[in-house]
Amino acid sequence: MAKLGLSQRNTGTSEKMTNRAAAINLRALPQQRSLIDQAAHLLGKNRSDFMLEAACERAQSVILDQTLFELDTKKFRQFVEMLDAPTATNPGLERLLALTPPWDAT
């Protein structure tokens, strides 16, 4: 079987967690704490909720990049064929890519 990376996992960050029993302690520079507090305030969250949500989102991203799924030989061949197939034309994307970005315009 071929193994490729993909997984989905619910971290519970979208729900209000009411029973938090595990402590996570860390040290930060004052400017880091201020930055985190400012961002949390902009989202209407407290520091703990903001940091926990951000950390869980990043952790999930790392895990998803490293998690494996398996395909049998037939499904793997189909997967490779889809990857190797020529891309469909996309006029909108072609127009977008032909534009000069504002930072390059002089």
N, C-alpha and C. Protein backbone atom coordinates (compact mmCIF):
# COMPACT_ATOMS: atom_id res chain seq x y z
N MET A 1 0.83 -1.19 0.00
CA MET A 1 0.00 0.00 0.00
C MET A 1 0.88 1.25 0.00
N ALA A 2 0.42 2.26 -0.69
CA ALA A 2 1.14 3.54 -0.69
C ALA A 2 0.67 4.37 0.48
N LYS A 3 1.60 5.13 1.06
CA LYS A 3 1.25 5.96 2.21
C LYS A 3 1.49 7.42 1.85
N LEU A 4 0.49 8.24 2.11
CA LEU A 4 0.58 9.66 1.84
C LEU A 4 0.07 10.42 3.05
N GLY A 5 0.43 11.70 3.19
CA GLY A 5 0.04 12.47 4.36
C GLY A 5 -1.32 13.13 4.24
N LEU A 6 -2.23 12.82 5.14
CA LEU A 6 -3.51 13.50 5.23
C LEU A 6 -4.29 12.97 6.42
N SER A 7 -4.93 13.87 7.14
CA SER A 7 -5.74 13.46 8.26
C SER A 7 -6.62 14.62 8.65
N GLN A 8 -7.68 14.35 9.39
CA GLN A 8 -8.50 15.42 9.94
C GLN A 8 -8.71 15.12 11.40
N ARG A 9 -8.64 16.15 12.21
CA ARG A 9 -8.77 15.94 13.64
C ARG A 9 -9.43 17.16 14.24
N ASN A 10 -10.38 16.94 15.14
CA ASN A 10 -11.07 18.03 15.82
C ASN A 10 -10.29 18.40 17.07
N THR A 11 -9.82 19.64 17.12
CA THR A 11 -9.05 20.08 18.29
C THR A 11 -9.95 20.69 19.34
N GLY A 12 -11.21 20.94 19.02
CA GLY A 12 -12.12 21.52 20.00
C GLY A 12 -11.91 23.01 20.18
N THR A 13 -11.13 23.65 19.30
CA THR A 13 -10.84 25.07 19.48
C THR A 13 -12.04 25.94 19.13
N SER A 14 -12.99 25.43 18.35
CA SER A 14 -14.14 26.24 18.00
C SER A 14 -15.20 26.25 19.11
N GLU A 15 -15.08 25.35 20.05
CA GLU A 15 -16.03 25.28 21.16
C GLU A 15 -15.44 25.95 22.38
N LYS A 16 -16.29 26.51 23.22
CA LYS A 16 -15.83 27.08 24.49
C LYS A 16 -15.52 25.92 25.41
N MET A 17 -14.27 25.81 25.82
CA MET A 17 -13.86 24.71 26.69
C MET A 17 -14.14 25.12 28.13
N THR A 18 -14.95 24.35 28.82
CA THR A 18 -15.36 24.72 30.17
C THR A 18 -14.59 24.00 31.26
N ASN A 19 -14.01 22.84 30.97
CA ASN A 19 -13.31 22.08 31.98
C ASN A 19 -11.86 21.88 31.56
N ARG A 20 -11.04 22.86 31.83
CA ARG A 20 -9.62 22.78 31.46
C ARG A 20 -8.83 22.35 32.69
N ALA A 21 -8.35 21.13 32.68
CA ALA A 21 -7.63 20.59 33.83
C ALA A 21 -6.13 20.60 33.64
N ALA A 22 -5.64 20.63 32.40
CA ALA A 22 -4.20 20.55 32.14
C ALA A 22 -3.61 21.95 32.02
N ALA A 23 -2.58 22.21 32.79
CA ALA A 23 -1.91 23.52 32.76
C ALA A 23 -0.82 23.53 31.70
N ILE A 24 -0.67 24.66 31.04
CA ILE A 24 0.43 24.90 30.10
C ILE A 24 1.06 26.22 30.53
N ASN A 25 2.32 26.18 30.93
CA ASN A 25 3.01 27.37 31.39
C ASN A 25 4.13 27.73 30.43
N LEU A 26 4.34 29.03 30.19
CA LEU A 26 5.44 29.45 29.36
C LEU A 26 5.87 30.86 29.73
N ARG A 27 7.08 31.20 29.33
CA ARG A 27 7.63 32.54 29.56
C ARG A 27 7.68 33.26 28.22
N ALA A 28 7.46 34.56 28.25
CA ALA A 28 7.48 35.36 27.03
C ALA A 28 8.16 36.70 27.32
N LEU A 29 8.66 37.30 26.28
CA LEU A 29 9.18 38.66 26.39
C LEU A 29 8.01 39.62 26.54
N PRO A 30 8.20 40.75 27.19
CA PRO A 30 7.10 41.71 27.35
C PRO A 30 6.46 42.12 26.02
N GLN A 31 7.29 42.30 24.99
CA GLN A 31 6.72 42.70 23.70
C GLN A 31 5.91 41.57 23.06
N GLN A 32 6.29 40.32 23.32
CA GLN A 32 5.50 39.20 22.82
C GLN A 32 4.14 39.15 23.52
N ARG A 33 4.17 39.35 24.83
CA ARG A 33 2.92 39.36 25.59
C ARG A 33 2.01 40.49 25.11
N SER A 34 2.58 41.66 24.87
CA SER A 34 1.78 42.80 24.38
C SER A 34 1.18 42.51 23.02
N LEU A 35 1.96 41.90 22.15
CA LEU A 35 1.47 41.55 20.81
C LEU A 35 0.30 40.57 20.91
N ILE A 36 0.47 39.55 21.74
CA ILE A 36 -0.58 38.54 21.93
C ILE A 36 -1.83 39.20 22.53
N ASP A 37 -1.64 40.04 23.52
CA ASP A 37 -2.78 40.72 24.15
C ASP A 37 -3.52 41.60 23.15
N GLN A 38 -2.77 42.31 22.31
CA GLN A 38 -3.40 43.18 21.31
C GLN A 38 -4.23 42.36 20.33
N ALA A 39 -3.67 41.27 19.83
CA ALA A 39 -4.40 40.42 18.89
C ALA A 39 -5.62 39.79 19.55
N ALA A 40 -5.47 39.32 20.78
CA ALA A 40 -6.60 38.73 21.49
C ALA A 40 -7.71 39.75 21.67
N HIS A 41 -7.33 40.96 22.05
CA HIS A 41 -8.32 42.03 22.24
C HIS A 41 -9.08 42.31 20.94
N LEU A 42 -8.35 42.36 19.82
CA LEU A 42 -8.99 42.62 18.53
C LEU A 42 -10.02 41.55 18.17
N LEU A 43 -9.81 40.33 18.65
CA LEU A 43 -10.75 39.24 18.38
C LEU A 43 -11.77 39.04 19.49
N GLY A 44 -11.70 39.89 20.52
CA GLY A 44 -12.65 39.77 21.63
C GLY A 44 -12.40 38.54 22.48
N LYS A 45 -11.15 38.12 22.59
CA LYS A 45 -10.81 36.94 23.36
C LYS A 45 -9.87 37.33 24.49
N ASN A 46 -9.80 36.47 25.50
CA ASN A 46 -8.78 36.69 26.52
C ASN A 46 -7.48 36.04 26.04
N ARG A 47 -6.39 36.33 26.72
CA ARG A 47 -5.08 35.83 26.30
C ARG A 47 -5.05 34.31 26.25
N SER A 48 -5.58 33.66 27.27
CA SER A 48 -5.54 32.19 27.31
C SER A 48 -6.30 31.57 26.15
N ASP A 49 -7.52 32.05 25.90
CA ASP A 49 -8.30 31.50 24.79
C ASP A 49 -7.61 31.73 23.46
N PHE A 50 -7.07 32.95 23.28
CA PHE A 50 -6.38 33.27 22.04
C PHE A 50 -5.16 32.37 21.83
N MET A 51 -4.34 32.24 22.87
CA MET A 51 -3.12 31.44 22.75
C MET A 51 -3.44 29.96 22.54
N LEU A 52 -4.42 29.45 23.24
CA LEU A 52 -4.78 28.05 23.09
C LEU A 52 -5.31 27.77 21.69
N GLU A 53 -6.16 28.66 21.19
CA GLU A 53 -6.70 28.49 19.84
C GLU A 53 -5.59 28.56 18.80
N ALA A 54 -4.70 29.55 18.90
CA ALA A 54 -3.60 29.70 17.94
C ALA A 54 -2.67 28.49 18.00
N ALA A 55 -2.34 28.04 19.19
CA ALA A 55 -1.45 26.89 19.33
C ALA A 55 -2.08 25.62 18.77
N CYS A 56 -3.36 25.42 19.03
CA CYS A 56 -4.05 24.23 18.51
C CYS A 56 -4.15 24.27 16.98
N GLU A 57 -4.42 25.44 16.41
CA GLU A 57 -4.47 25.55 14.94
C GLU A 57 -3.12 25.21 14.34
N ARG A 58 -2.04 25.72 14.92
CA ARG A 58 -0.70 25.43 14.40
C ARG A 58 -0.36 23.95 14.59
N ALA A 59 -0.70 23.40 15.74
CA ALA A 59 -0.42 21.99 16.00
C ALA A 59 -1.17 21.10 15.00
N GLN A 60 -2.42 21.45 14.74
CA GLN A 60 -3.20 20.66 13.78
C GLN A 60 -2.57 20.74 12.40
N SER A 61 -2.10 21.92 12.00
CA SER A 61 -1.46 22.09 10.71
C SER A 61 -0.21 21.22 10.59
N VAL A 62 0.61 21.22 11.63
CA VAL A 62 1.83 20.39 11.63
C VAL A 62 1.47 18.92 11.53
N ILE A 63 0.50 18.49 12.32
CA ILE A 63 0.09 17.09 12.32
C ILE A 63 -0.48 16.68 10.97
N LEU A 64 -1.30 17.55 10.38
CA LEU A 64 -1.87 17.22 9.07
C LEU A 64 -0.80 17.08 8.00
N ASP A 65 0.28 17.85 8.13
CA ASP A 65 1.38 17.74 7.17
C ASP A 65 2.18 16.46 7.35
N GLN A 66 2.07 15.81 8.49
CA GLN A 66 2.90 14.66 8.79
C GLN A 66 2.13 13.34 8.91
N THR A 67 0.80 13.41 8.88
CA THR A 67 -0.02 12.22 9.08
C THR A 67 -0.17 11.44 7.78
N LEU A 68 -0.24 10.14 7.88
CA LEU A 68 -0.30 9.28 6.71
C LEU A 68 -1.70 8.74 6.45
N PHE A 69 -2.00 8.51 5.19
CA PHE A 69 -3.17 7.72 4.83
C PHE A 69 -2.73 6.71 3.80
N GLU A 70 -3.46 5.64 3.70
CA GLU A 70 -3.04 4.55 2.83
C GLU A 70 -4.01 4.38 1.67
N LEU A 71 -3.44 4.04 0.51
CA LEU A 71 -4.22 3.74 -0.68
C LEU A 71 -3.81 2.37 -1.20
N ASP A 72 -4.80 1.61 -1.68
CA ASP A 72 -4.41 0.36 -2.32
C ASP A 72 -3.79 0.69 -3.68
N THR A 73 -3.25 -0.29 -4.34
CA THR A 73 -2.50 -0.06 -5.59
C THR A 73 -3.35 0.62 -6.65
N LYS A 74 -4.59 0.18 -6.79
CA LYS A 74 -5.48 0.77 -7.81
C LYS A 74 -5.75 2.24 -7.50
N LYS A 75 -6.09 2.56 -6.27
CA LYS A 75 -6.37 3.94 -5.88
C LYS A 75 -5.12 4.81 -5.99
N PHE A 76 -3.95 4.24 -5.68
CA PHE A 76 -2.71 4.99 -5.79
C PHE A 76 -2.43 5.34 -7.25
N ARG A 77 -2.64 4.38 -8.16
CA ARG A 77 -2.45 4.66 -9.59
C ARG A 77 -3.39 5.77 -10.05
N GLN A 78 -4.65 5.72 -9.61
CA GLN A 78 -5.60 6.77 -9.97
C GLN A 78 -5.13 8.13 -9.43
N PHE A 79 -4.63 8.13 -8.22
CA PHE A 79 -4.13 9.36 -7.60
C PHE A 79 -2.96 9.92 -8.41
N VAL A 80 -2.01 9.08 -8.78
CA VAL A 80 -0.86 9.52 -9.55
C VAL A 80 -1.29 10.02 -10.93
N GLU A 81 -2.24 9.34 -11.55
CA GLU A 81 -2.75 9.78 -12.85
C GLU A 81 -3.37 11.18 -12.75
N MET A 82 -4.10 11.43 -11.68
CA MET A 82 -4.69 12.76 -11.50
C MET A 82 -3.60 13.81 -11.31
N LEU A 83 -2.55 13.48 -10.57
CA LEU A 83 -1.45 14.42 -10.37
C LEU A 83 -0.71 14.69 -11.67
N ASP A 84 -0.55 13.66 -12.50
CA ASP A 84 0.21 13.78 -13.74
C ASP A 84 -0.61 14.34 -14.90
N ALA A 85 -1.92 14.37 -14.75
CA ALA A 85 -2.79 14.85 -15.83
C ALA A 85 -2.53 16.34 -16.10
N PRO A 86 -2.64 16.75 -17.36
CA PRO A 86 -2.46 18.17 -17.65
C PRO A 86 -3.53 19.01 -16.94
N THR A 87 -3.15 20.19 -16.57
CA THR A 87 -4.10 21.06 -15.89
C THR A 87 -5.11 21.62 -16.87
N ALA A 88 -6.30 21.88 -16.38
CA ALA A 88 -7.33 22.50 -17.21
C ALA A 88 -7.00 23.98 -17.36
N THR A 89 -7.35 24.54 -18.48
CA THR A 89 -7.10 25.97 -18.67
C THR A 89 -8.03 26.76 -17.76
N ASN A 90 -7.51 27.86 -17.25
CA ASN A 90 -8.27 28.72 -16.36
C ASN A 90 -8.00 30.16 -16.79
N PRO A 91 -8.85 30.70 -17.67
CA PRO A 91 -8.61 32.06 -18.19
C PRO A 91 -8.51 33.11 -17.09
N GLY A 92 -9.31 32.99 -16.05
CA GLY A 92 -9.26 33.96 -14.96
C GLY A 92 -7.91 33.94 -14.26
N LEU A 93 -7.39 32.75 -14.02
CA LEU A 93 -6.08 32.63 -13.39
C LEU A 93 -4.98 33.15 -14.31
N GLU A 94 -5.10 32.86 -15.60
CA GLU A 94 -4.11 33.35 -16.56
C GLU A 94 -4.09 34.88 -16.59
N ARG A 95 -5.27 35.51 -16.56
CA ARG A 95 -5.34 36.99 -16.52
C ARG A 95 -4.70 37.52 -15.24
N LEU A 96 -5.01 36.87 -14.12
CA LEU A 96 -4.46 37.30 -12.84
C LEU A 96 -2.94 37.21 -12.83
N LEU A 97 -2.41 36.11 -13.31
CA LEU A 97 -0.96 35.93 -13.32
C LEU A 97 -0.25 36.86 -14.31
N ALA A 98 -0.98 37.37 -15.29
CA ALA A 98 -0.38 38.29 -16.26
C ALA A 98 -0.29 39.71 -15.72
N LEU A 99 -0.99 40.02 -14.63
CA LEU A 99 -0.96 41.36 -14.05
C LEU A 99 0.37 41.63 -13.37
N THR A 100 0.79 42.89 -13.42
CA THR A 100 1.98 43.30 -12.69
C THR A 100 1.57 43.59 -11.23
N PRO A 101 2.21 42.95 -10.28
CA PRO A 101 1.86 43.21 -8.89
C PRO A 101 2.12 44.66 -8.51
N PRO A 102 1.32 45.22 -7.61
CA PRO A 102 1.49 46.63 -7.25
C PRO A 102 2.89 46.95 -6.72
N TRP A 103 3.53 45.99 -6.04
CA TRP A 103 4.86 46.26 -5.49
C TRP A 103 5.93 46.27 -6.57
N ASP A 104 5.62 45.74 -7.79
CA ASP A 104 6.57 45.79 -8.90
C ASP A 104 6.30 46.96 -9.84
N ALA A 105 5.13 47.56 -9.73
CA ALA A 105 4.78 48.68 -10.61
C ALA A 105 5.57 49.91 -10.21
N THR A 106 6.18 50.53 -11.20
CA THR A 106 6.95 51.74 -10.92
C THR A 106 6.64 52.82 -11.90
